Amino acid sequence: MIPKVKGSKNIPPTLPPQSSVHSVISPGVGLVRITWFPGSMGLEFAQSLDAAIADLKARDCERLLVDLRRNIGGGLASRG
């Protein structure tokens, strides 16, 4: 049973989706799919993107595709 959280209005808690996913789609071509921009200051997203780019460079990618389709934007900086 999922515990209720105060103010949840009987909505079960959810896990946020991964903000970015990366892969090599053909020799020398990397893909970064960005589904949302997490965090109020963007630090988490920036670290994730830096790691993805470093991994693609290490895998000898010389070209990059950035997929922003179905991107839901970012979260609110304040929660109230």
N, C-alpha and C. Protein backbone atom coordinates (compact mmCIF):
# COMPACT_ATOMS: atom_id res chain seq x y z
N MET A 1 0.84 -1.18 0.00
CA MET A 1 0.00 0.00 0.00
C MET A 1 0.88 1.24 0.00
N ILE A 2 0.54 2.21 -0.81
CA ILE A 2 1.28 3.46 -0.89
C ILE A 2 0.78 4.40 0.19
N PRO A 3 1.68 4.91 1.03
CA PRO A 3 1.23 5.83 2.10
C PRO A 3 0.75 7.14 1.52
N LYS A 4 -0.25 7.72 2.18
CA LYS A 4 -0.77 9.02 1.75
C LYS A 4 0.15 10.12 2.26
N VAL A 5 0.31 11.13 1.44
CA VAL A 5 1.10 12.29 1.81
C VAL A 5 0.14 13.45 2.01
N LYS A 6 0.39 14.24 3.06
CA LYS A 6 -0.50 15.37 3.34
C LYS A 6 -0.62 16.27 2.12
N GLY A 7 -1.84 16.56 1.73
CA GLY A 7 -2.10 17.42 0.59
C GLY A 7 -2.03 16.71 -0.76
N SER A 8 -1.92 15.37 -0.75
CA SER A 8 -1.74 14.64 -2.01
C SER A 8 -3.05 14.42 -2.75
N LYS A 9 -4.18 14.62 -2.09
CA LYS A 9 -5.48 14.44 -2.71
C LYS A 9 -5.61 13.06 -3.35
N ASN A 10 -5.13 12.03 -2.62
CA ASN A 10 -5.22 10.64 -3.04
C ASN A 10 -4.48 10.34 -4.34
N ILE A 11 -3.50 11.13 -4.68
CA ILE A 11 -2.68 10.88 -5.86
C ILE A 11 -1.40 10.20 -5.39
N PRO A 12 -1.10 9.03 -5.93
CA PRO A 12 0.12 8.35 -5.48
C PRO A 12 1.36 9.11 -5.92
N PRO A 13 2.45 9.03 -5.15
CA PRO A 13 3.68 9.72 -5.53
C PRO A 13 4.23 9.13 -6.83
N THR A 14 4.89 9.96 -7.61
CA THR A 14 5.48 9.51 -8.86
C THR A 14 6.96 9.85 -8.89
N LEU A 15 7.69 9.12 -9.68
CA LEU A 15 9.10 9.39 -9.87
C LEU A 15 9.26 10.26 -11.11
N PRO A 16 10.06 11.30 -11.04
CA PRO A 16 10.25 12.14 -12.23
C PRO A 16 10.99 11.37 -13.32
N PRO A 17 10.70 11.64 -14.58
CA PRO A 17 11.41 10.96 -15.66
C PRO A 17 12.86 11.42 -15.72
N GLN A 18 13.71 10.62 -16.36
CA GLN A 18 15.08 11.05 -16.56
C GLN A 18 15.06 12.30 -17.42
N SER A 19 15.90 13.26 -17.07
CA SER A 19 15.89 14.50 -17.84
C SER A 19 16.55 14.35 -19.19
N SER A 20 17.58 13.53 -19.28
CA SER A 20 18.23 13.32 -20.57
C SER A 20 18.68 11.88 -20.71
N VAL A 21 18.64 11.42 -21.94
CA VAL A 21 19.09 10.08 -22.29
C VAL A 21 20.00 10.25 -23.50
N HIS A 22 21.10 9.55 -23.50
CA HIS A 22 22.00 9.67 -24.65
C HIS A 22 22.40 8.29 -25.16
N SER A 23 22.74 8.25 -26.45
CA SER A 23 23.18 7.01 -27.07
C SER A 23 23.92 7.32 -28.36
N VAL A 24 24.62 6.32 -28.88
CA VAL A 24 25.25 6.42 -30.19
C VAL A 24 24.30 5.77 -31.18
N ILE A 25 23.87 6.52 -32.19
CA ILE A 25 22.87 5.98 -33.11
C ILE A 25 23.49 5.46 -34.41
N SER A 26 24.68 5.88 -34.72
CA SER A 26 25.46 5.31 -35.83
C SER A 26 26.91 5.72 -35.59
N PRO A 27 27.86 5.11 -36.30
CA PRO A 27 29.27 5.45 -36.03
C PRO A 27 29.53 6.95 -36.14
N GLY A 28 30.02 7.53 -35.05
CA GLY A 28 30.35 8.95 -35.03
C GLY A 28 29.20 9.90 -34.78
N VAL A 29 27.99 9.37 -34.58
CA VAL A 29 26.81 10.22 -34.37
C VAL A 29 26.17 9.88 -33.03
N GLY A 30 26.10 10.89 -32.16
CA GLY A 30 25.46 10.71 -30.86
C GLY A 30 24.09 11.38 -30.83
N LEU A 31 23.26 10.88 -29.95
CA LEU A 31 21.91 11.43 -29.75
C LEU A 31 21.73 11.76 -28.29
N VAL A 32 21.24 12.96 -28.02
CA VAL A 32 20.85 13.36 -26.66
C VAL A 32 19.38 13.72 -26.72
N ARG A 33 18.57 12.99 -25.96
CA ARG A 33 17.13 13.27 -25.88
C ARG A 33 16.87 13.94 -24.54
N ILE A 34 16.32 15.15 -24.58
CA ILE A 34 16.07 15.92 -23.36
C ILE A 34 14.56 16.00 -23.17
N THR A 35 14.06 15.34 -22.12
CA THR A 35 12.62 15.26 -21.89
C THR A 35 12.09 16.37 -20.99
N TRP A 36 12.95 16.93 -20.14
CA TRP A 36 12.53 18.05 -19.29
C TRP A 36 13.77 18.67 -18.67
N PHE A 37 13.61 19.84 -18.09
CA PHE A 37 14.70 20.57 -17.45
C PHE A 37 14.45 20.59 -15.95
N PRO A 38 15.06 19.68 -15.20
CA PRO A 38 14.79 19.59 -13.76
C PRO A 38 15.54 20.63 -12.94
N GLY A 39 15.07 20.86 -11.75
CA GLY A 39 15.74 21.73 -10.80
C GLY A 39 15.44 23.20 -11.00
N SER A 40 15.48 23.94 -9.91
CA SER A 40 15.15 25.35 -9.99
C SER A 40 16.26 26.18 -10.63
N MET A 41 17.51 25.76 -10.50
CA MET A 41 18.64 26.52 -11.05
C MET A 41 19.26 25.84 -12.26
N GLY A 42 18.85 24.64 -12.59
CA GLY A 42 19.39 23.94 -13.75
C GLY A 42 20.71 23.23 -13.51
N LEU A 43 21.18 23.19 -12.28
CA LEU A 43 22.47 22.56 -12.00
C LEU A 43 22.43 21.06 -12.25
N GLU A 44 21.37 20.41 -11.82
CA GLU A 44 21.24 18.97 -12.04
C GLU A 44 21.22 18.65 -13.53
N PHE A 45 20.48 19.45 -14.29
CA PHE A 45 20.41 19.24 -15.74
C PHE A 45 21.78 19.48 -16.38
N ALA A 46 22.47 20.53 -15.99
CA ALA A 46 23.78 20.84 -16.56
C ALA A 46 24.78 19.72 -16.30
N GLN A 47 24.77 19.16 -15.10
CA GLN A 47 25.67 18.06 -14.76
C GLN A 47 25.34 16.83 -15.58
N SER A 48 24.06 16.55 -15.76
CA SER A 48 23.63 15.41 -16.56
C SER A 48 24.04 15.58 -18.01
N LEU A 49 23.86 16.77 -18.55
CA LEU A 49 24.22 17.04 -19.94
C LEU A 49 25.74 16.97 -20.13
N ASP A 50 26.51 17.51 -19.19
CA ASP A 50 27.97 17.42 -19.26
C ASP A 50 28.43 15.97 -19.30
N ALA A 51 27.84 15.13 -18.45
CA ALA A 51 28.21 13.72 -18.41
C ALA A 51 27.85 13.02 -19.72
N ALA A 52 26.70 13.34 -20.28
CA ALA A 52 26.28 12.72 -21.55
C ALA A 52 27.23 13.11 -22.68
N ILE A 53 27.58 14.39 -22.76
CA ILE A 53 28.49 14.85 -23.82
C ILE A 53 29.87 14.22 -23.65
N ALA A 54 30.37 14.15 -22.42
CA ALA A 54 31.68 13.52 -22.17
C ALA A 54 31.67 12.06 -22.59
N ASP A 55 30.58 11.35 -22.29
CA ASP A 55 30.49 9.94 -22.67
C ASP A 55 30.46 9.78 -24.19
N LEU A 56 29.71 10.64 -24.87
CA LEU A 56 29.64 10.56 -26.33
C LEU A 56 30.99 10.89 -26.97
N LYS A 57 31.70 11.86 -26.42
CA LYS A 57 33.05 12.19 -26.92
C LYS A 57 33.99 11.00 -26.73
N ALA A 58 33.91 10.34 -25.58
CA ALA A 58 34.75 9.18 -25.30
C ALA A 58 34.43 8.03 -26.25
N ARG A 59 33.22 8.03 -26.80
CA ARG A 59 32.82 6.98 -27.75
C ARG A 59 33.00 7.45 -29.20
N ASP A 60 33.86 8.45 -29.39
CA ASP A 60 34.28 8.96 -30.71
C ASP A 60 33.15 9.54 -31.55
N CYS A 61 32.18 10.18 -30.92
CA CYS A 61 31.12 10.86 -31.67
C CYS A 61 31.61 12.24 -32.10
N GLU A 62 31.49 12.51 -33.37
CA GLU A 62 31.89 13.81 -33.91
C GLU A 62 30.68 14.68 -34.25
N ARG A 63 29.51 14.06 -34.30
CA ARG A 63 28.27 14.78 -34.61
C ARG A 63 27.26 14.50 -33.50
N LEU A 64 26.35 15.46 -33.29
CA LEU A 64 25.39 15.34 -32.21
C LEU A 64 24.00 15.75 -32.67
N LEU A 65 23.03 14.93 -32.39
CA LEU A 65 21.63 15.27 -32.59
C LEU A 65 21.02 15.52 -31.21
N VAL A 66 20.28 16.61 -31.09
CA VAL A 66 19.60 16.94 -29.83
C VAL A 66 18.11 16.84 -30.10
N ASP A 67 17.45 15.93 -29.41
CA ASP A 67 16.02 15.68 -29.59
C ASP A 67 15.24 16.34 -28.46
N LEU A 68 14.49 17.38 -28.79
CA LEU A 68 13.66 18.08 -27.81
C LEU A 68 12.18 17.79 -27.99
N ARG A 69 11.86 16.83 -28.88
CA ARG A 69 10.45 16.49 -29.06
C ARG A 69 9.88 15.95 -27.75
N ARG A 70 8.66 16.28 -27.49
CA ARG A 70 7.94 15.87 -26.27
C ARG A 70 8.58 16.42 -25.01
N ASN A 71 9.38 17.49 -25.12
CA ASN A 71 9.98 18.12 -23.95
C ASN A 71 8.89 18.89 -23.22
N ILE A 72 8.77 18.64 -21.92
CA ILE A 72 7.70 19.27 -21.14
C ILE A 72 8.14 20.56 -20.47
N GLY A 73 9.37 21.00 -20.70
CA GLY A 73 9.84 22.24 -20.09
C GLY A 73 10.50 21.97 -18.76
N GLY A 74 10.39 22.93 -17.85
CA GLY A 74 11.05 22.81 -16.55
C GLY A 74 10.06 22.90 -15.41
N GLY A 75 10.57 22.66 -14.22
CA GLY A 75 9.76 22.76 -13.04
C GLY A 75 9.68 24.19 -12.55
N LEU A 76 8.79 24.44 -11.64
CA LEU A 76 8.67 25.77 -11.05
C LEU A 76 9.78 25.98 -10.04
N ALA A 77 10.34 27.16 -10.00
CA ALA A 77 11.44 27.45 -9.08
C ALA A 77 10.95 27.48 -7.64
N SER A 78 9.69 27.81 -7.43
CA SER A 78 9.17 27.83 -6.07
C SER A 78 8.01 26.85 -5.97
N ARG A 79 7.90 26.30 -4.81
CA ARG A 79 6.80 25.35 -4.57
C ARG A 79 5.97 25.89 -3.42
N GLY A 80 4.71 25.91 -3.63
CA GLY A 80 3.90 26.49 -2.58
C GLY A 80 2.72 25.77 -2.30
